[in-house]
Amino acid sequence: MMSKDNALALMSRATMGLAKLPVATPEEIAAAEAEIARPLPDALKDFYRTASNGLRFGRLQILPVKSASNLKKTGDSIVRQNDVRHSTWFNNDADTFAEFLVFATEHAHRCFAFKRDADHIWEWTLDGDQVVELDYGFWAWLEESLRQEGELLRFQR
């Protein structure tokens, strides 16, 4: 749980470039799961319920679940980004979409995903030909991503 606490602390200390949405309701999360026909990983559901329904920090975006009370900011949702008809990830390969669940992006160059029935993070880059396994669970990945993005934002000032 240490990574979750660290990630939440980093989110609360971010002074520039961090945009959070109000947390998602259990009904919104369930609707997203029904649309993508698979359960969201527990750590991601925990993030949506307790921290934020999506997040933008510099280049990093955690995709939100669609919210009827905030359609404008949640329209580009986890459901949309996991639909081969609307997404640019995985070179639009339906078999790869069936195996992975994209939950975050880094601009239009990189996405982060969960493999079906797994709770560690995988990464795919636009110029890559395969999805690469990372050595992180969700909260550790978020902590590290926030640290890296924060350092980049400070460097660019």
Protein backbone atom coordinates (compact mmCIF):
# COMPACT_ATOMS: atom_id res chain seq x y z
CA MET A 1 0.00 0.00 0.00
CA MET A 2 3.05 2.25 0.31
CA SER A 3 3.01 3.05 -3.43
CA LYS A 4 -0.64 4.12 -3.25
CA ASP A 5 0.10 6.47 -0.36
CA ASN A 6 3.14 7.85 -2.19
CA ALA A 7 1.22 8.33 -5.45
CA LEU A 8 -1.64 10.11 -3.67
CA ALA A 9 0.84 12.34 -1.82
CA LEU A 10 2.53 13.25 -5.12
CA MET A 11 -0.87 14.07 -6.62
CA SER A 12 -1.73 16.33 -3.69
CA ARG A 13 1.63 18.14 -3.82
CA ALA A 14 1.60 18.79 -7.59
CA THR A 15 1.46 22.55 -7.99
CA MET A 16 1.29 22.84 -11.76
CA GLY A 17 -0.09 20.88 -14.65
CA LEU A 18 -2.20 18.39 -12.68
CA ALA A 19 -5.88 18.11 -13.56
CA LYS A 20 -8.12 15.64 -11.74
CA LEU A 21 -11.79 14.86 -12.23
CA PRO A 22 -14.32 14.11 -9.48
CA VAL A 23 -14.25 10.44 -8.49
CA ALA A 24 -16.36 7.98 -10.47
CA THR A 25 -19.47 6.35 -9.08
CA PRO A 26 -19.75 2.57 -8.79
CA GLU A 27 -22.48 2.74 -11.47
CA GLU A 28 -20.17 4.58 -13.91
CA ILE A 29 -17.41 2.03 -13.34
CA ALA A 30 -19.85 -0.86 -13.81
CA ALA A 31 -21.14 0.72 -17.04
CA ALA A 32 -17.58 0.96 -18.39
CA GLU A 33 -16.92 -2.67 -17.50
CA ALA A 34 -20.11 -3.72 -19.28
CA GLU A 35 -19.17 -1.75 -22.41
CA ILE A 36 -15.69 -3.24 -22.63
CA ALA A 37 -17.00 -6.67 -21.57
CA ARG A 38 -14.38 -7.24 -18.89
CA PRO A 39 -13.78 -6.16 -15.31
CA LEU A 40 -11.37 -3.33 -14.66
CA PRO A 41 -8.39 -4.27 -12.47
CA ASP A 42 -9.07 -3.66 -8.77
CA ALA A 43 -6.32 -1.05 -8.38
CA LEU A 44 -7.68 0.98 -11.30
CA LYS A 45 -11.22 0.81 -9.87
CA ASP A 46 -9.79 1.92 -6.53
CA PHE A 47 -8.16 4.91 -8.25
CA TYR A 48 -11.43 5.87 -9.97
CA ARG A 49 -13.46 5.51 -6.74
CA THR A 50 -11.07 7.17 -4.30
CA ALA A 51 -8.62 9.45 -6.13
CA SER A 52 -9.94 10.71 -9.46
CA ASN A 53 -11.96 9.70 -12.52
CA GLY A 54 -9.01 10.23 -14.79
CA LEU A 55 -5.99 12.46 -14.55
CA ARG A 56 -3.85 14.71 -16.71
CA PHE A 57 -0.33 15.62 -15.67
CA GLY A 58 1.97 16.99 -18.34
CA ARG A 59 2.09 14.37 -21.08
CA LEU A 60 0.44 11.69 -18.94
CA GLN A 61 -3.28 10.95 -19.06
CA ILE A 62 -5.14 8.28 -17.14
CA LEU A 63 -8.30 7.68 -19.12
CA PRO A 64 -11.59 8.33 -17.30
CA VAL A 65 -14.75 6.27 -17.30
CA LYS A 66 -17.63 8.06 -18.99
CA SER A 67 -19.63 10.21 -16.59
CA ALA A 68 -23.09 11.55 -17.46
CA SER A 69 -22.44 14.52 -15.20
CA ASN A 70 -19.22 15.42 -17.06
CA LEU A 71 -19.50 14.15 -20.65
CA LYS A 72 -17.24 16.86 -22.07
CA LYS A 73 -14.23 15.83 -19.97
CA THR A 74 -14.91 12.09 -19.97
CA GLY A 75 -15.90 11.53 -23.61
CA ASP A 76 -12.42 10.29 -24.54
CA SER A 77 -12.87 7.46 -22.08
CA ILE A 78 -11.29 4.12 -21.35
CA VAL A 79 -14.13 2.54 -23.34
CA ARG A 80 -13.44 4.68 -26.42
CA GLN A 81 -9.68 4.12 -26.29
CA ASN A 82 -10.23 0.35 -26.13
CA ASP A 83 -12.50 0.27 -29.17
CA VAL A 84 -10.55 -0.66 -32.29
CA ARG A 85 -12.88 1.60 -34.32
CA HIS A 86 -11.85 4.74 -32.39
CA SER A 87 -8.39 4.04 -31.04
CA THR A 88 -4.97 4.32 -32.64
CA TRP A 89 -3.20 1.99 -30.22
CA PHE A 90 -1.71 -1.39 -31.13
CA ASN A 91 -1.85 -0.47 -34.84
CA ASN A 92 -5.59 -1.23 -34.63
CA ASP A 93 -4.92 -4.94 -34.15
CA ALA A 94 -8.14 -6.45 -32.77
CA ASP A 95 -6.34 -9.48 -31.27
CA THR A 96 -4.06 -7.23 -29.22
CA PHE A 97 -7.03 -5.14 -28.06
CA ALA A 98 -8.68 -8.37 -26.94
CA GLU A 99 -5.61 -9.21 -24.86
CA PHE A 100 -4.90 -5.76 -23.33
CA LEU A 101 -6.82 -2.93 -21.69
CA VAL A 102 -5.41 0.55 -22.38
CA PHE A 103 -5.88 2.75 -19.30
CA ALA A 104 -3.34 5.55 -19.80
CA THR A 105 -1.55 7.41 -22.57
CA GLU A 106 1.48 9.61 -22.95
CA HIS A 107 0.45 12.05 -25.66
CA ALA A 108 -0.11 10.13 -28.87
CA HIS A 109 3.17 8.23 -28.62
CA ARG A 110 2.76 5.66 -25.88
CA CYS A 111 0.04 3.82 -24.03
CA PHE A 112 -0.04 1.80 -20.85
CA ALA A 113 -2.24 -1.24 -20.48
CA PHE A 114 -3.19 -4.15 -18.28
CA LYS A 115 -3.06 -7.62 -19.75
CA ARG A 116 -6.31 -9.51 -19.38
CA ASP A 117 -6.49 -11.09 -15.91
CA ALA A 118 -3.21 -9.54 -14.75
CA ASP A 119 -2.48 -6.59 -12.52
CA HIS A 120 0.89 -5.39 -13.74
CA ILE A 121 1.47 -2.75 -16.38
CA TRP A 122 2.46 -3.17 -20.03
CA GLU A 123 3.69 -0.44 -22.38
CA TRP A 124 3.30 0.03 -26.13
CA THR A 125 4.91 2.79 -28.17
CA LEU A 126 3.80 4.08 -31.55
CA ASP A 127 7.05 3.02 -33.18
CA GLY A 128 7.12 -0.33 -31.38
CA ASP A 129 5.92 -3.64 -32.70
CA GLN A 130 5.15 -5.32 -29.39
CA VAL A 131 3.68 -4.65 -25.97
CA VAL A 132 6.42 -4.70 -23.33
CA GLU A 133 5.88 -5.84 -19.76
CA LEU A 134 6.92 -3.38 -17.05
CA ASP A 135 7.83 -4.33 -13.51
CA TYR A 136 5.05 -2.30 -11.86
CA GLY A 137 1.61 -2.74 -10.43
CA PHE A 138 -0.77 0.19 -10.93
CA TRP A 139 0.06 2.27 -7.83
CA ALA A 140 3.83 1.83 -8.21
CA TRP A 141 3.52 2.72 -11.90
CA LEU A 142 1.51 5.84 -11.02
CA GLU A 143 4.02 6.89 -8.38
CA GLU A 144 6.94 6.51 -10.79
CA SER A 145 5.08 8.18 -13.68
CA LEU A 146 4.14 11.17 -11.52
CA ARG A 147 7.75 11.53 -10.35
CA GLN A 148 9.12 11.37 -13.89
CA GLU A 149 6.55 13.77 -15.29
CA GLY A 150 7.10 16.18 -12.39
CA GLU A 151 10.84 16.20 -13.04
CA LEU A 152 10.24 16.85 -16.75
CA LEU A 153 7.87 19.73 -16.00
CA ARG A 154 10.39 21.32 -13.61
CA PHE A 155 13.15 20.89 -16.20
CA GLN A 156 11.10 22.58 -18.93
CA ARG A 157 10.44 25.75 -16.91
